[in-house]
Amino acid sequence: MSAIKVIGLVFCLLFAALWLLGLSFGVWLPDVLLAPRAKLAQTNVASGHSFQVIQYWNRVDFYTTELHVVSPTGTATVHVLDGDDSKSWLVGLRVDETNRIVLVTLGGGRERKVRY
């Protein structure tokens, strides 16, 4: 077997091992390598407020999930929903404009209520 094939095989095996190791800890390997901020939910309401649920690997152990609120005047606030969350692909997001409450349903049915 040529040296290039051996190096390629070693690289593939190492990559697969790292991928499986990350998954065993609950971390998606592309998140470790690239650290993207994933938008799990988004909505806008009649009052002009916009809401986004963002999740990213916190470079320590698991994921941080945040609610980003932007008011009609452009003021932005961030609320940490879970600083030690598991990987999610989407979450539930409901807004009660009358009471100015945002309800986010995280993985496992865990609900977080935020006043804005």
Protein backbone atom coordinates (compact mmCIF):
# COMPACT_ATOMS: atom_id res chain seq x y z
CA MET A 1 0.00 0.00 0.00
CA SER A 2 1.39 3.41 -0.92
CA ALA A 3 2.23 6.03 1.69
CA ILE A 4 -0.55 8.32 0.42
CA LYS A 5 -3.15 5.61 0.91
CA VAL A 6 -1.86 4.89 4.43
CA ILE A 7 -1.95 8.57 5.36
CA GLY A 8 -5.46 8.88 3.89
CA LEU A 9 -6.64 5.82 5.82
CA VAL A 10 -5.13 7.10 9.08
CA PHE A 11 -6.74 10.50 8.53
CA CYS A 12 -10.16 8.91 7.87
CA LEU A 13 -9.90 6.69 10.93
CA LEU A 14 -8.84 9.60 13.12
CA PHE A 15 -11.70 11.76 11.81
CA ALA A 16 -14.23 8.95 12.42
CA ALA A 17 -12.88 8.41 15.95
CA LEU A 18 -13.16 12.13 16.75
CA TRP A 19 -16.68 12.23 15.30
CA LEU A 20 -17.82 9.30 17.44
CA LEU A 21 -16.07 10.66 20.53
CA GLY A 22 -17.86 14.01 20.13
CA LEU A 23 -21.21 12.31 19.66
CA SER A 24 -20.64 10.16 22.74
CA PHE A 25 -20.30 13.38 24.77
CA GLY A 26 -23.38 14.89 23.10
CA VAL A 27 -21.45 17.39 20.99
CA TRP A 28 -21.86 17.49 17.22
CA LEU A 29 -18.34 17.48 15.72
CA PRO A 30 -18.98 20.24 13.14
CA ASP A 31 -19.98 22.47 16.07
CA VAL A 32 -16.64 21.79 17.76
CA LEU A 33 -14.70 22.57 14.62
CA LEU A 34 -16.70 25.54 13.33
CA ALA A 35 -18.63 26.79 16.42
CA PRO A 36 -21.62 28.10 14.43
CA ARG A 37 -24.58 29.82 16.03
CA ALA A 38 -27.67 27.86 15.02
CA LYS A 39 -31.05 29.58 14.82
CA LEU A 40 -33.54 27.13 16.36
CA ALA A 41 -36.65 29.33 16.16
CA GLN A 42 -37.64 32.82 15.08
CA THR A 43 -40.76 34.95 15.07
CA ASN A 44 -41.85 38.57 14.75
CA VAL A 45 -44.97 40.04 16.35
CA ALA A 46 -47.31 42.91 15.52
CA SER A 47 -45.73 45.21 18.13
CA GLY A 48 -42.49 45.15 16.14
CA HIS A 49 -40.53 42.90 18.50
CA SER A 50 -38.52 40.07 17.01
CA PHE A 51 -37.42 36.91 18.79
CA GLN A 52 -34.77 34.33 17.96
CA VAL A 53 -33.62 31.26 19.85
CA ILE A 54 -29.90 30.72 19.20
CA GLN A 55 -27.76 27.76 20.24
CA TYR A 56 -24.00 27.29 20.10
CA TRP A 57 -21.38 24.98 21.55
CA ASN A 58 -19.99 26.85 24.55
CA ARG A 59 -16.47 25.43 24.09
CA VAL A 60 -16.58 23.82 27.54
CA ASP A 61 -18.94 20.90 27.75
CA PHE A 62 -22.31 21.29 26.04
CA TYR A 63 -24.43 23.98 24.39
CA THR A 64 -25.69 27.40 25.41
CA THR A 65 -29.24 28.23 24.31
CA GLU A 66 -30.27 31.90 24.30
CA LEU A 67 -33.33 33.99 23.52
CA HIS A 68 -32.48 37.14 21.57
CA VAL A 69 -35.11 39.89 21.73
CA VAL A 70 -35.00 43.00 19.55
CA SER A 71 -37.47 45.79 20.33
CA PRO A 72 -39.04 48.04 17.69
CA THR A 73 -36.47 50.72 18.62
CA GLY A 74 -33.59 48.33 17.90
CA THR A 75 -32.65 47.62 21.51
CA ALA A 76 -31.37 44.05 21.78
CA THR A 77 -31.39 41.87 24.88
CA VAL A 78 -30.15 38.33 25.38
CA HIS A 79 -31.60 35.87 27.89
CA VAL A 80 -29.76 32.61 28.63
CA LEU A 81 -32.32 29.82 28.56
CA ASP A 82 -29.88 27.00 29.35
CA GLY A 83 -26.11 27.28 29.71
CA ASP A 84 -25.59 23.51 29.75
CA ASP A 85 -28.08 22.31 27.15
CA SER A 86 -28.01 19.32 24.84
CA LYS A 87 -27.93 19.69 21.05
CA SER A 88 -31.24 20.76 19.53
CA TRP A 89 -32.27 21.19 15.93
CA LEU A 90 -35.39 23.25 16.65
CA VAL A 91 -37.45 24.39 19.64
CA GLY A 92 -40.97 25.64 20.28
CA LEU A 93 -41.42 29.41 20.50
CA ARG A 94 -44.65 31.20 21.45
CA VAL A 95 -45.20 34.87 22.26
CA ASP A 96 -48.00 36.23 24.45
CA GLU A 97 -48.01 39.90 23.41
CA THR A 98 -50.74 40.86 25.87
CA ASN A 99 -48.68 39.78 28.89
CA ARG A 100 -45.30 40.35 27.19
CA ILE A 101 -44.14 36.79 27.81
CA VAL A 102 -42.13 34.48 25.55
CA LEU A 103 -42.45 30.74 26.11
CA VAL A 104 -39.68 28.54 24.72
CA THR A 105 -39.97 24.76 24.83
CA LEU A 106 -36.51 23.20 24.94
CA GLY A 107 -35.57 19.56 24.45
CA GLY A 108 -37.27 17.09 26.76
CA GLY A 109 -40.30 19.40 27.01
CA ARG A 110 -38.54 21.81 29.38
CA GLU A 111 -40.25 25.21 29.26
CA ARG A 112 -38.59 28.56 29.81
CA LYS A 113 -40.69 31.67 30.32
CA VAL A 114 -39.15 35.09 29.68
CA ARG A 115 -40.73 38.51 30.21
CA TYR A 116 -39.79 41.16 27.69
